[in-house]
Amino acid sequence: MRQIIDKEKIEKYEEVLHRIQIYAEVVMDNDKLSKIISNICRWSYAHRTGNGTLSEEQQNGIIRKAFDGLLERKD
């Protein structure tokens, strides 16, 4: 599983923050804002899922999947 590098993290997190601002203040699209917040919640939970029972590789795979999905819109 490919590790997430800091540059990639920063780019993704900045894009998430920009989208939150756009959805909340520019286009006022609460549905899209809600979806991106749900993606953030999945990403956060991915760091705790398994309660230490998963291998590092398995845990990193779950985190990677959630990270990759941060900007997905399940419209």
Protein backbone atom coordinates (compact mmCIF):
# COMPACT_ATOMS: atom_id res chain seq x y z
CA MET A 1 0.00 0.00 0.00
CA ARG A 2 1.41 3.35 -1.02
CA GLN A 3 2.08 5.69 1.90
CA ILE A 4 0.48 9.12 1.97
CA ILE A 5 3.19 11.78 1.80
CA ASP A 6 2.95 15.16 3.49
CA LYS A 7 2.72 17.09 0.20
CA GLU A 8 -0.23 14.95 -0.87
CA LYS A 9 -1.89 15.43 2.52
CA ILE A 10 -1.52 19.19 2.41
CA GLU A 11 -2.93 19.41 -1.12
CA LYS A 12 -5.92 17.23 -0.23
CA TYR A 13 -6.65 18.99 3.07
CA GLU A 14 -6.45 22.41 1.42
CA GLU A 15 -8.89 21.30 -1.28
CA VAL A 16 -11.29 19.94 1.37
CA LEU A 17 -11.17 23.25 3.23
CA HIS A 18 -11.73 25.24 0.03
CA ARG A 19 -14.74 23.09 -0.85
CA ILE A 20 -16.20 23.52 2.61
CA GLN A 21 -15.94 27.28 2.21
CA ILE A 22 -17.46 27.21 -1.28
CA TYR A 23 -20.36 24.94 -0.29
CA ALA A 24 -21.04 26.88 2.92
CA GLU A 25 -20.65 30.48 1.77
CA VAL A 26 -20.61 30.76 -2.01
CA VAL A 27 -23.13 28.29 -3.44
CA MET A 28 -24.78 27.54 -0.07
CA ASP A 29 -25.23 23.86 -0.93
CA ASN A 30 -25.93 22.17 2.39
CA ASP A 31 -26.27 18.73 0.78
CA LYS A 32 -22.74 18.83 -0.65
CA LEU A 33 -21.43 20.31 2.58
CA SER A 34 -23.03 17.47 4.53
CA LYS A 35 -21.46 14.88 2.20
CA ILE A 36 -17.97 16.30 2.53
CA ILE A 37 -18.34 16.40 6.32
CA SER A 38 -19.42 12.73 6.24
CA ASN A 39 -16.27 11.96 4.24
CA ILE A 40 -14.20 13.74 6.89
CA CYS A 41 -15.90 11.69 9.61
CA ARG A 42 -15.10 8.44 7.72
CA TRP A 43 -11.48 9.54 7.38
CA SER A 44 -11.25 10.34 11.09
CA TYR A 45 -12.84 7.05 12.12
CA ALA A 46 -10.48 5.11 9.83
CA HIS A 47 -7.65 5.98 12.23
CA ARG A 48 -9.43 4.23 15.12
CA THR A 49 -11.25 1.36 13.44
CA GLY A 50 -10.09 -2.08 14.46
CA ASN A 51 -9.10 -1.00 17.98
CA GLY A 52 -5.51 -2.10 17.46
CA THR A 53 -6.45 -5.57 16.16
CA LEU A 54 -5.49 -4.86 12.55
CA SER A 55 -2.01 -5.11 11.13
CA GLU A 56 -0.29 -1.83 10.27
CA GLU A 57 -0.76 -2.63 6.59
CA GLN A 58 -4.50 -3.27 7.04
CA GLN A 59 -4.94 -0.09 9.08
CA ASN A 60 -3.01 1.96 6.53
CA GLY A 61 -5.18 0.51 3.76
CA ILE A 62 -8.36 1.64 5.53
CA ILE A 63 -6.88 5.09 6.15
CA ARG A 64 -5.73 5.35 2.53
CA LYS A 65 -9.18 4.45 1.22
CA ALA A 66 -10.81 7.07 3.47
CA PHE A 67 -8.17 9.65 2.49
CA ASP A 68 -8.77 9.00 -1.20
CA GLY A 69 -12.51 9.42 -0.61
CA LEU A 70 -12.30 12.79 1.14
CA LEU A 71 -13.36 14.70 -1.97
CA GLU A 72 -15.84 12.17 -3.32
CA ARG A 73 -19.39 13.32 -3.74
CA LYS A 74 -21.82 10.49 -3.54
CA ASP A 75 -24.56 12.41 -5.41
